PDB file of all heavy atoms in Angstrom:
ATOM      1  N   ASP A   1     -44.183  53.646 -29.243  1.00  0.00           N
ATOM      2  CA  ASP A   1     -44.895  52.511 -29.824  1.00  0.00           C
ATOM      3  C   ASP A   1     -44.070  51.227 -29.717  1.00  0.00           C
ATOM      4  O   ASP A   1     -44.613  50.147 -29.434  1.00  0.00           O
ATOM      5  CB  ASP A   1     -45.259  52.792 -31.280  1.00  0.00           C
ATOM      6  CG  ASP A   1     -44.045  53.135 -32.135  1.00  0.00           C
ATOM      7  OD1 ASP A   1     -43.029  53.599 -31.568  1.00  0.00           O
ATOM      8  OD2 ASP A   1     -44.102  52.949 -33.369  1.00  0.00           O
ATOM      9  N   VAL A   2     -42.754  51.333 -29.922  1.00  0.00           N
ATOM     10  CA  VAL A   2     -41.882  50.159 -29.784  1.00  0.00           C
ATOM     11  C   VAL A   2     -41.838  49.715 -28.324  1.00  0.00           C
ATOM     12  O   VAL A   2     -41.861  48.507 -28.030  1.00  0.00           O
ATOM     13  CB  VAL A   2     -40.461  50.480 -30.296  1.00  0.00           C
ATOM     14  CG1 VAL A   2     -39.524  49.306 -30.047  1.00  0.00           C
ATOM     15  CG2 VAL A   2     -40.501  50.833 -31.772  1.00  0.00           C
ATOM     16  N   ALA A   3     -41.800  50.661 -27.404  1.00  0.00           N
ATOM     17  CA  ALA A   3     -41.749  50.329 -25.973  1.00  0.00           C
ATOM     18  C   ALA A   3     -43.020  49.602 -25.543  1.00  0.00           C
ATOM     19  O   ALA A   3     -42.956  48.614 -24.792  1.00  0.00           O
ATOM     20  CB  ALA A   3     -41.562  51.600 -25.143  1.00  0.00           C
ATOM     21  N   ARG A   4     -44.171  50.073 -26.015  1.00  0.00           N
ATOM     22  CA  ARG A   4     -45.433  49.405 -25.656  1.00  0.00           C
ATOM     23  C   ARG A   4     -45.482  47.991 -26.220  1.00  0.00           C
ATOM     24  O   ARG A   4     -45.914  47.050 -25.537  1.00  0.00           O
ATOM     25  CB  ARG A   4     -46.616  50.229 -26.163  1.00  0.00           C
ATOM     26  CG  ARG A   4     -46.861  51.509 -25.390  1.00  0.00           C
ATOM     27  CD  ARG A   4     -48.205  52.112 -25.757  1.00  0.00           C
ATOM     28  NE  ARG A   4     -48.234  52.542 -27.163  1.00  0.00           N
ATOM     29  CZ  ARG A   4     -47.889  53.740 -27.579  1.00  0.00           C
ATOM     30  NH1 ARG A   4     -47.456  54.654 -26.708  1.00  0.00           N
ATOM     31  NH2 ARG A   4     -47.963  54.064 -28.860  1.00  0.00           N
ATOM     32  N   TRP A   5     -45.036  47.822 -27.459  1.00  0.00           N
ATOM     33  CA  TRP A   5     -45.028  46.484 -28.063  1.00  0.00           C
ATOM     34  C   TRP A   5     -44.092  45.547 -27.313  1.00  0.00           C
ATOM     35  O   TRP A   5     -44.454  44.411 -26.990  1.00  0.00           O
ATOM     36  CB  TRP A   5     -44.601  46.594 -29.525  1.00  0.00           C
ATOM     37  CG  TRP A   5     -44.242  45.267 -30.124  1.00  0.00           C
ATOM     38  CD1 TRP A   5     -45.097  44.283 -30.520  1.00  0.00           C
ATOM     39  CD2 TRP A   5     -42.915  44.760 -30.353  1.00  0.00           C
ATOM     40  NE1 TRP A   5     -44.390  43.206 -31.004  1.00  0.00           N
ATOM     41  CE2 TRP A   5     -43.054  43.476 -30.912  1.00  0.00           C
ATOM     42  CE3 TRP A   5     -41.646  45.286 -30.163  1.00  0.00           C
ATOM     43  CZ2 TRP A   5     -41.958  42.691 -31.265  1.00  0.00           C
ATOM     44  CZ3 TRP A   5     -40.547  44.518 -30.516  1.00  0.00           C
ATOM     45  CH2 TRP A   5     -40.704  43.245 -31.056  1.00  0.00           C
ATOM     46  N   ALA A   6     -42.878  46.001 -27.014  1.00  0.00           N
ATOM     47  CA  ALA A   6     -41.907  45.148 -26.328  1.00  0.00           C
ATOM     48  C   ALA A   6     -42.374  44.803 -24.923  1.00  0.00           C
ATOM     49  O   ALA A   6     -42.210  43.664 -24.465  1.00  0.00           O
ATOM     50  CB  ALA A   6     -40.547  45.850 -26.274  1.00  0.00           C
ATOM     51  N   ALA A   7     -42.959  45.765 -24.219  1.00  0.00           N
ATOM     52  CA  ALA A   7     -43.430  45.505 -22.858  1.00  0.00           C
ATOM     53  C   ALA A   7     -44.545  44.474 -22.856  1.00  0.00           C
ATOM     54  O   ALA A   7     -44.589  43.581 -21.993  1.00  0.00           O
ATOM     55  CB  ALA A   7     -43.913  46.805 -22.212  1.00  0.00           C
ATOM     56  N   ALA A   8     -45.457  44.547 -23.831  1.00  0.00           N
ATOM     57  CA  ALA A   8     -46.546  43.569 -23.911  1.00  0.00           C
ATOM     58  C   ALA A   8     -46.012  42.201 -24.315  1.00  0.00           C
ATOM     59  O   ALA A   8     -46.411  41.172 -23.753  1.00  0.00           O
ATOM     60  CB  ALA A   8     -47.601  44.042 -24.903  1.00  0.00           C
ATOM     61  N   ALA A   9     -45.081  42.174 -25.280  1.00  0.00           N
ATOM     62  CA  ALA A   9     -44.565  40.895 -25.788  1.00  0.00           C
ATOM     63  C   ALA A   9     -43.766  40.140 -24.741  1.00  0.00           C
ATOM     64  O   ALA A   9     -43.681  38.907 -24.789  1.00  0.00           O
ATOM     65  CB  ALA A   9     -43.703  41.135 -27.027  1.00  0.00           C
ATOM     66  N   THR A  10     -43.164  40.843 -23.798  1.00  0.00           N
ATOM     67  CA  THR A  10     -42.365  40.199 -22.753  1.00  0.00           C
ATOM     68  C   THR A  10     -43.138  40.076 -21.442  1.00  0.00           C
ATOM     69  O   THR A  10     -42.560  39.695 -20.427  1.00  0.00           O
ATOM     70  CB  THR A  10     -41.069  40.983 -22.508  1.00  0.00           C
ATOM     71  OG1 THR A  10     -41.383  42.348 -22.179  1.00  0.00           O
ATOM     72  CG2 THR A  10     -40.179  40.953 -23.738  1.00  0.00           C
ATOM     73  N   GLN A  11     -44.414  40.420 -21.461  1.00  0.00           N
ATOM     74  CA  GLN A  11     -45.296  40.260 -20.298  1.00  0.00           C
ATOM     75  C   GLN A  11     -44.772  40.992 -19.063  1.00  0.00           C
ATOM     76  O   GLN A  11     -44.791  40.473 -17.953  1.00  0.00           O
ATOM     77  CB  GLN A  11     -45.508  38.777 -20.005  1.00  0.00           C
ATOM     78  CG  GLN A  11     -46.057  38.010 -21.199  1.00  0.00           C
ATOM     79  CD  GLN A  11     -46.159  36.526 -20.963  1.00  0.00           C
ATOM     80  OE1 GLN A  11     -46.986  36.076 -20.168  1.00  0.00           O
ATOM     81  NE2 GLN A  11     -45.334  35.742 -21.648  1.00  0.00           N
ATOM     82  N   GLY A  12     -44.294  42.208 -19.275  1.00  0.00           N
ATOM     83  CA  GLY A  12     -43.869  43.030 -18.160  1.00  0.00           C
ATOM     84  C   GLY A  12     -42.494  42.727 -17.612  1.00  0.00           C
ATOM     85  O   GLY A  12     -42.155  43.177 -16.518  1.00  0.00           O
ATOM     86  N   HIS A  13     -41.677  41.990 -18.345  1.00  0.00           N
ATOM     87  CA  HIS A  13     -40.310  41.681 -17.898  1.00  0.00           C
ATOM     88  C   HIS A  13     -39.409  42.814 -18.391  1.00  0.00           C
ATOM     89  O   HIS A  13     -39.154  42.947 -19.590  1.00  0.00           O
ATOM     90  CB  HIS A  13     -39.871  40.347 -18.491  1.00  0.00           C
ATOM     91  CG  HIS A  13     -38.613  39.797 -17.881  1.00  0.00           C
ATOM     92  ND1 HIS A  13     -37.419  40.475 -17.925  1.00  0.00           N
ATOM     93  CD2 HIS A  13     -38.360  38.647 -17.205  1.00  0.00           C
ATOM     94  CE1 HIS A  13     -36.480  39.763 -17.319  1.00  0.00           C
ATOM     95  NE2 HIS A  13     -37.038  38.650 -16.875  1.00  0.00           N
ATOM     96  N   VAL A  14     -38.895  43.619 -17.464  1.00  0.00           N
ATOM     97  CA  VAL A  14     -38.179  44.835 -17.841  1.00  0.00           C
ATOM     98  C   VAL A  14     -36.932  44.521 -18.656  1.00  0.00           C
ATOM     99  O   VAL A  14     -36.687  45.121 -19.717  1.00  0.00           O
ATOM    100  CB  VAL A  14     -37.800  45.639 -16.583  1.00  0.00           C
ATOM    101  CG1 VAL A  14     -37.078  46.927 -16.982  1.00  0.00           C
ATOM    102  CG2 VAL A  14     -39.033  45.981 -15.765  1.00  0.00           C
ATOM    103  N   GLY A  15     -36.113  43.593 -18.196  1.00  0.00           N
ATOM    104  CA  GLY A  15     -34.874  43.280 -18.891  1.00  0.00           C
ATOM    105  C   GLY A  15     -35.108  42.728 -20.283  1.00  0.00           C
ATOM    106  O   GLY A  15     -34.450  43.137 -21.252  1.00  0.00           O
ATOM    107  N   ARG A  16     -36.054  41.818 -20.412  1.00  0.00           N
ATOM    108  CA  ARG A  16     -36.337  41.247 -21.724  1.00  0.00           C
ATOM    109  C   ARG A  16     -36.954  42.285 -22.655  1.00  0.00           C
ATOM    110  O   ARG A  16     -36.698  42.284 -23.865  1.00  0.00           O
ATOM    111  CB  ARG A  16     -37.264  40.042 -21.589  1.00  0.00           C
ATOM    112  CG  ARG A  16     -36.603  38.845 -20.915  1.00  0.00           C
ATOM    113  CD  ARG A  16     -37.546  37.649 -20.840  1.00  0.00           C
ATOM    114  NE  ARG A  16     -36.901  36.516 -20.193  1.00  0.00           N
ATOM    115  CZ  ARG A  16     -37.497  35.357 -19.964  1.00  0.00           C
ATOM    116  NH1 ARG A  16     -38.760  35.183 -20.343  1.00  0.00           N
ATOM    117  NH2 ARG A  16     -36.853  34.369 -19.366  1.00  0.00           N
ATOM    118  N   ALA A  17     -37.775  43.166 -22.101  1.00  0.00           N
ATOM    119  CA  ALA A  17     -38.387  44.214 -22.928  1.00  0.00           C
ATOM    120  C   ALA A  17     -37.321  45.146 -23.482  1.00  0.00           C
ATOM    121  O   ALA A  17     -37.368  45.539 -24.657  1.00  0.00           O
ATOM    122  CB  ALA A  17     -39.407  45.000 -22.106  1.00  0.00           C
ATOM    123  N   ARG A  18     -36.339  45.506 -22.656  1.00  0.00           N
ATOM    124  CA  ARG A  18     -35.260  46.371 -23.136  1.00  0.00           C
ATOM    125  C   ARG A  18     -34.456  45.680 -24.227  1.00  0.00           C
ATOM    126  O   ARG A  18     -34.107  46.289 -25.239  1.00  0.00           O
ATOM    127  CB  ARG A  18     -34.340  46.747 -21.968  1.00  0.00           C
ATOM    128  CG  ARG A  18     -33.260  47.751 -22.359  1.00  0.00           C
ATOM    129  CD  ARG A  18     -32.247  47.963 -21.248  1.00  0.00           C
ATOM    130  NE  ARG A  18     -32.896  48.414 -20.034  1.00  0.00           N
ATOM    131  CZ  ARG A  18     -32.918  47.717 -18.888  1.00  0.00           C
ATOM    132  NH1 ARG A  18     -32.314  46.532 -18.825  1.00  0.00           N
ATOM    133  NH2 ARG A  18     -33.504  48.198 -17.823  1.00  0.00           N
ATOM    134  N   ARG A  19     -34.184  44.390 -24.031  1.00  0.00           N
ATOM    135  CA  ARG A  19     -33.417  43.648 -25.041  1.00  0.00           C
ATOM    136  C   ARG A  19     -34.204  43.536 -26.345  1.00  0.00           C
ATOM    137  O   ARG A  19     -33.650  43.726 -27.433  1.00  0.00           O
ATOM    138  CB  ARG A  19     -33.076  42.254 -24.513  1.00  0.00           C
ATOM    139  CG  ARG A  19     -32.203  41.438 -25.463  1.00  0.00           C
ATOM    140  CD  ARG A  19     -31.995  40.022 -24.966  1.00  0.00           C
ATOM    141  NE  ARG A  19     -31.298  39.983 -23.688  1.00  0.00           N
ATOM    142  CZ  ARG A  19     -31.849  39.635 -22.537  1.00  0.00           C
ATOM    143  NH1 ARG A  19     -33.135  39.304 -22.487  1.00  0.00           N
ATOM    144  NH2 ARG A  19     -31.151  39.622 -21.430  1.00  0.00           N
ATOM    145  N   LEU A  20     -35.484  43.237 -26.244  1.00  0.00           N
ATOM    146  CA  LEU A  20     -36.295  43.056 -27.444  1.00  0.00           C
ATOM    147  C   LEU A  20     -36.444  44.369 -28.207  1.00  0.00           C
ATOM    148  O   LEU A  20     -36.412  44.391 -29.444  1.00  0.00           O
ATOM    149  CB  LEU A  20     -37.676  42.513 -27.060  1.00  0.00           C
ATOM    150  CG  LEU A  20     -38.597  42.087 -28.199  1.00  0.00           C
ATOM    151  CD1 LEU A  20     -37.974  40.962 -28.996  1.00  0.00           C
ATOM    152  CD2 LEU A  20     -39.955  41.659 -27.639  1.00  0.00           C
ATOM    153  N   ALA A  21     -36.578  45.472 -27.480  1.00  0.00           N
ATOM    154  CA  ALA A  21     -36.769  46.763 -28.129  1.00  0.00           C
ATOM    155  C   ALA A  21     -35.496  47.275 -28.799  1.00  0.00           C
ATOM    156  O   ALA A  21     -35.567  47.976 -29.821  1.00  0.00           O
ATOM    157  CB  ALA A  21     -37.261  47.789 -27.111  1.00  0.00           C
ATOM    158  N   GLY A  22     -34.346  46.914 -28.255  1.00  0.00           N
ATOM    159  CA  GLY A  22     -33.111  47.496 -28.759  1.00  0.00           C
ATOM    160  C   GLY A  22     -32.200  46.573 -29.538  1.00  0.00           C
ATOM    161  O   GLY A  22     -31.189  47.032 -30.084  1.00  0.00           O
ATOM    162  N   ASP A  23     -32.519  45.282 -29.606  1.00  0.00           N
ATOM    163  CA  ASP A  23     -31.619  44.315 -30.243  1.00  0.00           C
ATOM    164  C   ASP A  23     -32.318  43.634 -31.425  1.00  0.00           C
ATOM    165  O   ASP A  23     -33.214  42.805 -31.229  1.00  0.00           O
ATOM    166  CB  ASP A  23     -31.180  43.271 -29.215  1.00  0.00           C
ATOM    167  CG  ASP A  23     -30.151  42.294 -29.777  1.00  0.00           C
ATOM    168  OD1 ASP A  23     -29.807  42.406 -30.970  1.00  0.00           O
ATOM    169  OD2 ASP A  23     -29.689  41.413 -29.018  1.00  0.00           O
ATOM    170  N   PRO A  24     -31.927  43.960 -32.645  1.00  0.00           N
ATOM    171  CA  PRO A  24     -32.564  43.322 -33.822  1.00  0.00           C
ATOM    172  C   PRO A  24     -32.414  41.806 -33.818  1.00  0.00           C
ATOM    173  O   PRO A  24     -33.325  41.091 -34.271  1.00  0.00           O
ATOM    174  CB  PRO A  24     -31.816  43.945 -35.009  1.00  0.00           C
ATOM    175  CG  PRO A  24     -31.274  45.243 -34.482  1.00  0.00           C
ATOM    176  CD  PRO A  24     -30.950  44.981 -33.039  1.00  0.00           C
ATOM    177  N   GLN A  25     -31.291  41.294 -33.309  1.00  0.00           N
ATOM    178  CA  GLN A  25     -31.102  39.844 -33.269  1.00  0.00           C
ATOM    179  C   GLN A  25     -32.105  39.191 -32.320  1.00  0.00           C
ATOM    180  O   GLN A  25     -32.602  38.092 -32.591  1.00  0.00           O
ATOM    181  CB  GLN A  25     -29.682  39.510 -32.857  1.00  0.00           C
ATOM    182  CG  GLN A  25     -28.633  39.878 -33.894  1.00  0.00           C
ATOM    183  CD  GLN A  25     -27.245  39.426 -33.500  1.00  0.00           C
ATOM    184  OE1 GLN A  25     -27.007  39.029 -32.365  1.00  0.00           O
ATOM    185  NE2 GLN A  25     -26.312  39.484 -34.447  1.00  0.00           N
TER     186      GLN A  25
END
């Protein structure tokens, strides 16, 4: 569920999605 949210929020940008999903800051 977190992966789907991060992928949508970053519009398919893999690096940003990984950062958003794993970094609280």
